[in-house]
Amino acid sequence: MANLGPEYPYSPIPVDLFVSKKHRGLSRGDLGFADASGRIVFRVNRPSSKSSANKLVLLDATGKPLISMHRHDDGSWEGYKGGEQKDLIFRVKKAETDLEVFLLDSTSELKVKGCPSMKSCTIYKGNDILAQTSLMYKLWQLYVRKDKFRLTIFPGSVDYALVAALIVIFIDRRRH
């Protein structure tokens, strides 16, 4: 898989990113992915122009566009490297409650399964789990808040930016 995001050293243990719209330093309406230290690693921007209503852009911590995601009227998505619709990276097709992801630089296919309203999903490559999301539970909470959740990326050869983009598509598709 192409490496689109910041360079991360291989980690023999899972890496957690915390996803929320309420991280410090985010513009209103942006979604952020922060590391355990609270530093924004990725953020998602929804361009404000009407012509970009079906477009989301995954940015790195410096604001550089990594992946632009375009939703089509049939519910499918396409992901392009950078901020323009030039270098196609993947196509996403909705299959009932799941997503099927076709990577252009690979013969492998990814699947995203879960429940968008609960911010809960798992990304599979074959039978292997690449990443998984979960809500942030606390013992004293009566109701689990859905505005912040954890993304765990498991060790292996997966691009963090690609995982973040797929999570955004999975979560965003319930809005349409």
Protein backbone atom coordinates (compact mmCIF):
# COMPACT_ATOMS: atom_id res chain seq x y z
CA MET A 1 0.00 0.00 0.00
CA ALA A 2 1.23 3.47 -0.79
CA ASN A 3 2.40 5.53 2.16
CA LEU A 4 0.39 8.74 2.15
CA GLY A 5 0.68 10.01 5.69
CA PRO A 6 3.47 10.91 8.05
CA GLU A 7 6.18 8.34 8.53
CA TYR A 8 5.56 6.17 11.57
CA PRO A 9 8.07 3.67 12.82
CA TYR A 10 6.89 0.07 12.86
CA SER A 11 5.41 -0.68 16.24
CA PRO A 12 5.05 -4.24 17.52
CA ILE A 13 2.11 -3.04 19.60
CA PRO A 14 -1.17 -1.47 18.44
CA VAL A 15 -1.28 2.31 18.00
CA ASP A 16 -4.25 4.30 19.31
CA LEU A 17 -5.55 7.53 17.81
CA PHE A 18 -8.38 9.45 19.45
CA VAL A 19 -11.02 10.81 17.08
CA SER A 20 -13.17 13.84 17.93
CA LYS A 21 -14.36 17.24 16.74
CA LYS A 22 -13.32 18.75 20.07
CA HIS A 23 -9.52 18.68 19.94
CA ARG A 24 -7.70 21.93 20.61
CA GLY A 25 -6.55 23.62 17.43
CA LEU A 26 -9.33 22.30 15.19
CA SER A 27 -11.52 24.59 13.14
CA ARG A 28 -15.25 24.32 13.77
CA GLY A 29 -16.69 21.28 12.01
CA ASP A 30 -13.31 19.60 11.45
CA LEU A 31 -12.73 16.08 12.73
CA GLY A 32 -9.36 15.39 14.34
CA PHE A 33 -7.24 12.30 14.94
CA ALA A 34 -4.89 12.83 17.91
CA ASP A 35 -2.14 10.62 19.30
CA ALA A 36 -1.82 9.64 22.97
CA SER A 37 -0.05 12.96 23.70
CA GLY A 38 -3.00 14.94 22.33
CA ARG A 39 -1.17 16.12 19.20
CA ILE A 40 -3.29 16.25 16.05
CA VAL A 41 -1.97 13.70 13.54
CA PHE A 42 -4.76 14.03 10.95
CA ARG A 43 -7.75 16.28 10.52
CA VAL A 44 -10.64 16.12 8.12
CA ASN A 45 -11.88 19.23 6.38
CA ARG A 46 -15.21 19.58 4.62
CA PRO A 47 -14.76 22.34 2.00
CA SER A 48 -17.42 25.01 2.42
CA SER A 49 -18.26 25.65 -1.24
CA LYS A 50 -21.47 24.17 -2.66
CA SER A 51 -19.56 22.49 -5.49
CA SER A 52 -17.57 20.58 -2.84
CA ALA A 53 -20.57 19.32 -0.85
CA ASN A 54 -19.64 15.68 -1.52
CA LYS A 55 -15.93 16.12 -0.81
CA LEU A 56 -13.87 15.54 2.33
CA VAL A 57 -10.13 16.13 2.60
CA LEU A 58 -7.81 14.32 5.02
CA LEU A 59 -4.96 16.63 6.05
CA ASP A 60 -1.78 15.94 7.98
CA ALA A 61 -0.82 17.91 11.10
CA THR A 62 0.66 20.74 8.99
CA GLY A 63 -2.46 21.10 6.82
CA LYS A 64 -1.05 19.28 3.77
CA PRO A 65 -3.79 17.39 1.87
CA LEU A 66 -3.14 13.63 1.97
CA ILE A 67 -6.36 12.13 0.59
CA SER A 68 -9.40 13.78 -0.98
CA MET A 69 -12.55 11.68 -0.72
CA HIS A 70 -15.45 12.16 -3.12
CA ARG A 71 -18.92 10.72 -2.53
CA HIS A 72 -21.08 9.82 -5.52
CA ASP A 73 -24.88 9.86 -5.60
CA ASP A 74 -25.04 6.05 -5.50
CA GLY A 75 -23.26 6.00 -2.11
CA SER A 76 -19.88 4.94 -3.49
CA TRP A 77 -16.69 6.89 -2.76
CA GLU A 78 -13.35 7.47 -4.46
CA GLY A 79 -10.12 8.46 -2.72
CA TYR A 80 -7.39 10.45 -4.47
CA LYS A 81 -3.85 11.22 -3.39
CA GLY A 82 -3.51 14.85 -2.29
CA GLY A 83 -6.21 17.47 -2.64
CA GLU A 84 -7.12 17.02 -6.30
CA GLN A 85 -9.00 14.38 -8.29
CA LYS A 86 -5.92 13.14 -10.16
CA ASP A 87 -4.26 10.06 -8.67
CA LEU A 88 -6.96 7.54 -7.72
CA ILE A 89 -5.95 5.40 -4.72
CA PHE A 90 -9.12 3.50 -3.87
CA ARG A 91 -12.80 2.98 -4.58
CA VAL A 92 -15.36 2.20 -1.90
CA LYS A 93 -18.63 0.44 -2.57
CA LYS A 94 -21.38 0.13 0.01
CA ALA A 95 -22.59 -3.42 0.56
CA GLU A 96 -25.58 -3.45 2.94
CA THR A 97 -24.05 -2.25 6.25
CA ASP A 98 -20.43 -2.85 5.22
CA LEU A 99 -17.99 -1.18 2.86
CA GLU A 100 -15.89 -2.93 0.23
CA VAL A 101 -12.62 -1.13 -0.51
CA PHE A 102 -10.74 -1.72 -3.76
CA LEU A 103 -7.13 -0.50 -3.67
CA LEU A 104 -5.72 0.43 -7.05
CA ASP A 105 -2.09 -0.39 -6.24
CA SER A 106 -2.90 -3.83 -4.85
CA THR A 107 -4.83 -6.94 -5.72
CA SER A 108 -6.10 -7.12 -2.16
CA GLU A 109 -9.45 -5.90 -1.05
CA LEU A 110 -10.36 -4.42 2.32
CA LYS A 111 -13.68 -4.68 4.13
CA VAL A 112 -15.07 -2.30 6.72
CA LYS A 113 -17.77 -3.81 8.93
CA GLY A 114 -19.63 -2.29 11.83
CA CYS A 115 -22.21 0.22 13.00
CA PRO A 116 -21.66 3.86 11.90
CA SER A 117 -24.10 5.33 14.43
CA MET A 118 -22.13 3.72 17.28
CA LYS A 119 -18.79 4.78 15.75
CA SER A 120 -17.82 1.13 15.83
CA CYS A 121 -16.15 -0.72 12.98
CA THR A 122 -13.37 -3.10 12.04
CA ILE A 123 -11.21 -2.96 8.92
CA TYR A 124 -10.25 -6.36 7.52
CA LYS A 125 -7.75 -7.47 4.91
CA GLY A 126 -8.82 -11.03 4.28
CA ASN A 127 -9.16 -12.55 7.75
CA ASP A 128 -6.65 -10.15 9.34
CA ILE A 129 -7.82 -7.17 11.38
CA LEU A 130 -5.98 -3.99 10.35
CA ALA A 131 -7.80 -1.48 12.56
CA GLN A 132 -10.78 -1.15 14.85
CA THR A 133 -12.76 1.66 16.45
CA SER A 134 -14.50 1.74 19.82
CA LEU A 135 -16.36 4.28 21.93
CA MET A 136 -14.64 5.68 25.01
CA TYR A 137 -16.26 4.02 28.01
CA LYS A 138 -15.81 5.18 31.59
CA LEU A 139 -17.02 3.24 34.60
CA TRP A 140 -19.00 6.10 36.10
CA GLN A 141 -20.83 7.08 32.89
CA LEU A 142 -24.49 6.18 32.57
CA TYR A 143 -24.54 6.99 28.85
CA VAL A 144 -21.62 6.56 26.50
CA ARG A 145 -20.79 9.76 24.62
CA LYS A 146 -20.46 9.29 20.87
CA ASP A 147 -18.51 12.47 20.15
CA LYS A 148 -15.11 10.88 20.87
CA PHE A 149 -13.90 7.42 20.00
CA ARG A 150 -10.69 5.41 19.78
CA LEU A 151 -9.11 4.09 16.59
CA THR A 152 -6.68 1.23 17.17
CA ILE A 153 -4.34 0.40 14.30
CA PHE A 154 -2.77 -3.02 14.63
CA PRO A 155 0.85 -3.84 13.67
CA GLY A 156 1.43 -4.61 10.01
CA SER A 157 1.83 -2.93 6.67
CA VAL A 158 -1.07 -0.51 6.65
CA ASP A 159 -0.96 3.19 5.92
CA TYR A 160 -2.39 5.25 8.79
CA ALA A 161 -3.77 7.90 6.41
CA LEU A 162 -5.66 5.24 4.43
CA VAL A 163 -7.14 3.83 7.65
CA ALA A 164 -8.18 7.33 8.79
CA ALA A 165 -9.82 8.02 5.41
CA LEU A 166 -11.79 4.76 5.54
CA ILE A 167 -12.97 5.53 9.07
CA VAL A 168 -14.15 8.97 7.94
CA ILE A 169 -16.07 7.46 5.00
CA PHE A 170 -17.63 4.82 7.25
CA ILE A 171 -18.75 7.38 9.83
CA ASP A 172 -19.81 10.03 7.29
CA ARG A 173 -21.96 7.76 5.11
CA ARG A 174 -24.75 7.66 7.70
CA ARG A 175 -25.38 11.35 7.05
CA HIS A 176 -26.71 10.66 3.54
